[in-house]
Amino acid sequence: MQSESPEASSTPPPTLPRHERHRLECLLRERLVRCGWRDDIRAHCLDILEKNKGTGSEIDKVVRDAIPIARARVPDNVKAELLKEIEGALKGQNKAEQ
């Protein structure tokens, strides 16, 4: 006998208003630029393009190779700050709904 998956029985995840998501996206973008992540990933993408020049699949190769590296290179302090901001926004939203 199979049990229900946790996703099927749980409530949907909370969502934030569009303006709050936009604020968090701007904060993330700013922090990534400030810590040098953006320049690092840009240089990595240019290296991939240079190595695959003339193969006709440069963009696919950049996307395939860069995304996992870009995700892994997000500094822990940036992740922690954004998580704290998200939690605060959700708590604020819950208080407003009550």
Protein backbone atom coordinates (compact mmCIF):
# COMPACT_ATOMS: atom_id res chain seq x y z
CA MET A 1 0.00 0.00 0.00
CA GLN A 2 1.41 3.39 -1.02
CA SER A 3 1.15 6.39 1.23
CA GLU A 4 0.38 9.86 -0.05
CA SER A 5 3.37 11.94 -0.96
CA PRO A 6 4.05 14.86 1.40
CA GLU A 7 3.41 17.30 -1.43
CA ALA A 8 -0.07 15.97 -2.06
CA SER A 9 -1.22 16.32 1.55
CA SER A 10 0.50 19.57 2.48
CA THR A 11 -0.82 23.07 2.04
CA PRO A 12 0.53 25.15 -0.82
CA PRO A 13 3.61 27.20 0.02
CA PRO A 14 2.98 30.80 1.01
CA THR A 15 3.39 33.41 -1.67
CA LEU A 16 4.56 36.98 -1.39
CA PRO A 17 2.98 39.98 -3.06
CA ARG A 18 4.58 41.03 -6.33
CA HIS A 19 6.12 44.20 -4.85
CA GLU A 20 7.79 42.17 -2.09
CA ARG A 21 9.19 39.62 -4.55
CA HIS A 22 10.52 42.50 -6.64
CA ARG A 23 12.19 44.03 -3.59
CA LEU A 24 13.85 40.72 -2.73
CA GLU A 25 15.02 40.20 -6.33
CA CYS A 26 16.58 43.68 -6.32
CA LEU A 27 18.27 42.96 -3.01
CA LEU A 28 19.68 39.68 -4.33
CA ARG A 29 20.89 41.32 -7.54
CA GLU A 30 22.58 44.11 -5.57
CA ARG A 31 24.33 41.70 -3.20
CA LEU A 32 25.56 39.48 -6.04
CA VAL A 33 27.02 42.46 -7.88
CA ARG A 34 28.59 43.87 -4.72
CA CYS A 35 30.35 40.61 -3.77
CA GLY A 36 31.78 40.11 -7.27
CA TRP A 37 29.66 37.06 -8.12
CA ARG A 38 28.31 38.64 -11.30
CA ASP A 39 31.76 39.47 -12.66
CA ASP A 40 33.02 36.01 -11.74
CA ILE A 41 30.17 34.27 -13.57
CA ARG A 42 30.49 36.61 -16.55
CA ALA A 43 34.19 35.73 -16.86
CA HIS A 44 33.34 32.03 -16.57
CA CYS A 45 30.75 32.34 -19.36
CA LEU A 46 33.23 34.16 -21.60
CA ASP A 47 35.76 31.36 -21.02
CA ILE A 48 33.17 28.77 -22.02
CA LEU A 49 32.34 30.76 -25.17
CA GLU A 50 36.01 31.09 -26.08
CA LYS A 51 36.63 27.35 -25.63
CA ASN A 52 33.61 26.45 -27.79
CA LYS A 53 34.01 29.10 -30.47
CA GLY A 54 32.82 27.96 -33.88
CA THR A 55 30.99 24.85 -32.70
CA GLY A 56 27.55 26.36 -33.34
CA SER A 57 26.25 25.44 -29.90
CA GLU A 58 27.99 28.07 -27.80
CA ILE A 59 24.91 29.43 -26.04
CA ASP A 60 23.57 25.98 -25.14
CA LYS A 61 26.99 25.05 -23.77
CA VAL A 62 27.23 28.24 -21.70
CA VAL A 63 23.80 27.70 -20.17
CA ARG A 64 24.41 24.01 -19.49
CA ASP A 65 27.82 24.64 -17.88
CA ALA A 66 27.27 27.98 -16.15
CA ILE A 67 24.01 27.45 -14.26
CA PRO A 68 25.24 24.79 -11.80
CA ILE A 69 28.46 26.71 -11.20
CA ALA A 70 26.62 30.01 -10.76
CA ARG A 71 24.28 28.46 -8.20
CA ALA A 72 27.13 26.84 -6.30
CA ARG A 73 29.15 30.08 -6.17
CA VAL A 74 26.49 32.21 -4.52
CA PRO A 75 28.18 33.16 -1.22
CA ASP A 76 26.69 31.68 1.94
CA ASN A 77 26.31 35.10 3.54
CA VAL A 78 24.17 36.26 0.60
CA LYS A 79 22.01 33.15 0.86
CA ALA A 80 21.62 33.63 4.61
CA GLU A 81 20.71 37.31 4.27
CA LEU A 82 18.11 36.61 1.59
CA LEU A 83 16.62 33.75 3.60
CA LYS A 84 16.32 36.06 6.62
CA GLU A 85 14.62 38.71 4.46
CA ILE A 86 12.18 36.15 3.02
CA GLU A 87 11.31 34.82 6.48
CA GLY A 88 10.73 38.39 7.70
CA ALA A 89 8.50 39.16 4.73
CA LEU A 90 6.44 36.01 5.30
CA LYS A 91 6.08 36.75 9.01
CA GLY A 92 4.99 40.29 8.20
CA GLN A 93 2.47 38.99 5.69
CA ASN A 94 1.07 36.52 8.24
CA LYS A 95 0.66 39.29 10.83
CA ALA A 96 -1.13 41.46 8.28
CA GLU A 97 -3.57 38.65 7.42
CA GLN A 98 -4.55 38.06 11.06
